[in-house]
Structures are given as structure tokens and as C-alpha cells.
Protein backbone atom coordinates (compact mmCIF):
# COMPACT_ATOMS: atom_id res chain seq x y z
CA MET A 1 29.71 -14.60 3.50
CA ASP A 2 26.33 -13.91 1.44
CA ASN A 3 25.18 -10.70 0.76
CA LYS A 4 22.17 -11.59 -1.00
CA PRO A 5 19.31 -9.27 0.15
CA GLU A 6 17.21 -10.72 2.79
CA LYS A 7 13.48 -10.19 2.64
CA HIS A 8 11.30 -8.13 5.06
CA ILE A 9 7.76 -8.04 5.61
CA ILE A 10 5.99 -4.79 6.89
CA SER A 11 2.27 -5.16 7.43
CA ALA A 12 -0.74 -3.85 9.25
CA SER A 13 -4.59 -4.80 8.65
CA ALA A 14 -8.12 -3.70 10.26
CA ILE A 15 -11.39 -4.36 9.86
CA ILE A 16 -13.38 -2.17 7.27
CA PRO A 17 -17.04 -1.87 8.08
CA ALA A 18 -18.45 -1.45 4.22
CA ARG A 19 -19.11 -4.03 1.62
CA ARG A 20 -15.53 -5.76 0.05
CA GLU A 21 -16.41 -4.39 -3.37
CA ARG A 22 -16.78 -0.71 -2.30
CA VAL A 23 -13.15 -0.70 -0.57
CA TYR A 24 -11.90 -2.96 -3.17
CA SER A 25 -12.64 -0.24 -5.86
CA LEU A 26 -11.45 2.91 -3.70
CA ILE A 27 -8.07 1.01 -3.37
CA ALA A 28 -7.95 0.51 -7.56
CA ASN A 29 -8.26 3.35 -8.62
CA TYR A 30 -5.36 5.82 -8.57
CA HIS A 31 -7.48 9.13 -9.74
CA ASP A 32 -9.70 8.92 -7.41
CA GLY A 33 -10.00 6.61 -4.46
CA HIS A 34 -7.08 5.66 -3.36
CA PRO A 35 -5.28 9.46 -3.47
CA ARG A 36 -8.18 10.03 -0.42
CA ILE A 37 -6.70 7.44 1.55
CA LEU A 38 -3.06 7.69 1.44
CA PRO A 39 -2.00 9.44 4.68
CA LYS A 40 0.50 12.71 4.71
CA GLN A 41 3.84 10.97 4.30
CA PHE A 42 2.34 10.44 0.37
CA LYS A 43 2.85 13.15 -1.75
CA SER A 44 1.81 14.16 -5.51
CA LEU A 45 0.47 10.69 -6.58
CA THR A 46 0.64 10.89 -10.57
CA VAL A 47 -0.76 8.25 -12.76
CA GLU A 48 0.98 7.95 -15.55
CA GLN A 49 -0.63 5.12 -17.11
CA GLY A 50 -4.20 3.59 -16.82
CA GLY A 51 -5.29 4.76 -13.73
CA VAL A 52 -7.77 1.83 -12.14
CA GLY A 53 -6.35 -1.50 -11.34
CA ALA A 54 -4.46 -3.87 -13.57
CA GLY A 55 -1.99 -2.14 -15.87
CA THR A 56 -1.82 1.22 -14.38
CA ILE A 57 1.66 2.97 -13.32
CA ILE A 58 2.06 5.20 -11.22
CA ARG A 59 4.30 7.83 -9.70
CA PHE A 60 4.28 9.72 -5.94
CA GLN A 61 6.78 10.85 -3.30
CA MET A 62 6.88 10.21 0.17
CA ASN A 63 8.82 12.21 2.88
CA LEU A 64 11.11 9.64 4.75
CA PHE A 65 13.26 10.39 7.68
CA GLY A 66 12.77 14.06 6.04
CA LYS A 67 13.89 13.72 2.69
CA LYS A 68 11.48 13.86 -0.48
CA GLN A 69 11.91 10.58 -2.23
CA THR A 70 10.21 9.68 -5.54
CA PHE A 71 8.77 6.35 -6.28
CA ARG A 72 7.35 4.46 -9.24
CA ALA A 73 5.32 1.55 -9.16
CA ALA A 74 3.44 -0.75 -11.91
CA ILE A 75 0.15 -2.26 -10.02
CA THR A 76 -0.97 -5.47 -11.27
CA GLU A 77 -4.35 -7.52 -10.02
CA PRO A 78 -3.51 -11.29 -9.29
CA ASP A 79 -6.77 -12.11 -7.75
CA PRO A 80 -9.02 -9.09 -9.14
CA GLY A 81 -11.41 -7.47 -6.64
CA ARG A 82 -9.51 -9.54 -4.08
CA VAL A 83 -5.78 -8.97 -4.27
CA LEU A 84 -4.06 -5.43 -5.53
CA VAL A 85 -0.23 -5.25 -6.08
CA GLU A 86 2.00 -2.27 -6.32
CA THR A 87 5.25 -3.13 -7.62
CA ASP A 88 8.57 -0.68 -7.46
CA LEU A 89 9.37 -0.13 -10.84
CA ASP A 90 13.04 1.52 -9.76
CA ALA A 91 15.70 0.48 -7.70
CA ASN A 92 14.87 -1.34 -4.26
CA GLY A 93 11.99 -3.39 -5.56
CA ALA A 94 9.65 -3.04 -2.88
CA VAL A 95 6.16 -4.70 -3.50
CA THR A 96 3.22 -3.53 -1.44
CA THR A 97 0.08 -5.85 -1.61
CA PHE A 98 -3.55 -4.67 -0.81
CA THR A 99 -5.29 -7.89 0.01
CA VAL A 100 -9.38 -7.45 0.81
CA ASN A 101 -11.27 -10.33 2.35
CA PRO A 102 -14.61 -10.90 3.50
CA GLY A 103 -15.23 -10.01 7.23
CA HIS A 104 -17.15 -11.41 10.13
CA ALA A 105 -20.30 -9.63 9.22
CA PRO A 106 -21.60 -9.32 5.33
CA ALA A 107 -20.80 -5.72 5.26
CA ASP A 108 -17.24 -5.48 6.62
CA SER A 109 -14.12 -6.37 4.82
CA ASN A 110 -11.05 -7.29 6.37
CA VAL A 111 -8.01 -5.56 4.78
CA THR A 112 -3.95 -6.23 5.02
CA ILE A 113 -1.57 -3.86 3.13
CA SER A 114 1.80 -5.62 3.18
CA THR A 115 5.36 -5.08 1.57
CA GLU A 116 7.94 -7.01 0.82
CA LEU A 117 11.48 -5.09 1.04
CA PRO A 118 14.65 -6.30 0.04
CA VAL A 119 17.08 -5.77 3.11
CA ARG A 120 20.97 -6.00 3.29
CA PRO A 121 22.08 -9.85 5.69
CA GLY A 122 23.67 -8.91 9.16
CA PHE A 123 23.81 -5.92 11.00
CA LEU A 124 22.88 -3.35 8.48
CA GLY A 125 20.17 -5.56 7.83
CA ALA A 126 18.93 -5.65 11.20
CA ILE A 127 18.28 -1.63 11.24
CA GLU A 128 17.07 -1.62 7.80
CA LYS A 129 14.02 -3.88 9.33
CA LYS A 130 14.12 -2.21 12.23
CA LEU A 131 13.39 1.27 10.59
CA SER A 132 11.46 0.67 8.18
CA THR A 133 8.68 -1.27 10.14
CA LEU A 134 8.95 1.98 12.81
CA LEU A 135 8.51 4.00 9.59
CA LEU A 136 5.84 1.68 7.58
CA ARG A 137 3.20 -0.27 10.07
CA PRO A 138 2.08 3.52 11.44
CA MET A 139 1.30 4.50 7.92
CA TYR A 140 -0.11 1.68 6.96
CA ARG A 141 -2.77 2.06 9.99
CA LYS A 142 -3.15 5.62 8.97
CA GLU A 143 -3.73 4.66 5.57
CA LEU A 144 -6.51 1.94 6.51
CA GLN A 145 -8.18 4.67 9.39
CA ASN A 146 -8.66 6.81 5.98
CA LEU A 147 -9.94 3.73 3.96
CA ALA A 148 -12.29 3.64 6.49
CA ARG A 149 -13.81 6.60 6.96
CA VAL A 150 -14.17 6.75 3.29
CA ALA A 151 -15.10 3.67 2.03
CA THR A 152 -18.28 4.47 5.00
CA GLY A 153 -18.48 8.37 3.83
CA PRO A 154 -20.93 9.23 1.39
CA PHE A 155 -20.06 7.76 -2.33
CA GLY A 156 -19.30 11.32 -3.56
CA ALA A 157 -16.95 12.28 -0.34
């Protein structure tokens, strides 16, 4: 039996009524923009290095199933201005990608938050997939709602 982890992808997308540059700059700015769009499950976002885009290293806590867990991630920008990636630096190896594409209207952005998680094969993996989807997808939907609110508000808001 092969015990190599499988990959499971959880994502959510939304049209944000704001220009791509504005939306991407909020996501990529871990000092000011990104903390304002995080749902309540995320706590204590700390910038350890950098702070805007590639080269940034962050630490944050999440409340998962009633338990507080700490994560560290390195930020890369495989396609600056369009794709930003947070790669977990600790045990779980999760990779979260923020993709900001043009929307149908010139002032709209199509934003996707997607996480690729390693899961065990078989029955336990099926449970991990179900639980992680039930946990993360609503968080990503809330993060996208927050992003829309912040991106369409005053720049200093």
C-alpha cells in the first residue's frame, strides 16, 4: 500500500468590484492590507521578514476545531501583480495561492484563493479532505467578502 500523501485543493472565487492593482496590492501588503481582509479564525499575523510581496515571511495563528495552531509561511510571486503564493514552512506543507485576474468589467477583478493540502490516502484521507473543505471554503468566502469591502472602501479605511 502506498502511503505517499495525496494532494487536495480547496478554493473559492469572487468578482471584486475594484481594479486589479488595488486588489492585488491589498493582498500582497502583509503590514496593512492583508490583515484587514482576514476572517476571524486568523489571529496575530506577524511579519517576520519583508512585508510586501515576494520575500515576506509571516507567522499567524488559526483557530481550527477549537484549537489554536501557529503557522509560518514564505511569500513568493510567480506572476507579480497577478499570482501570490504562501508556502507553509512547517510540517503540513500547505500552499495557498491568491490569483487576481481581470473581471468582465474594466474595474472588476476575479479573485481566487486556493489551498493545496497534503492528505493521507484512503479512508483517513477522505475524512481529511471533507473536514478541510468544510473548514476552509467558508473562511475563504469570508476573506473574499472582506477583500471586496476593503478594496471598495476609502484607501485609508
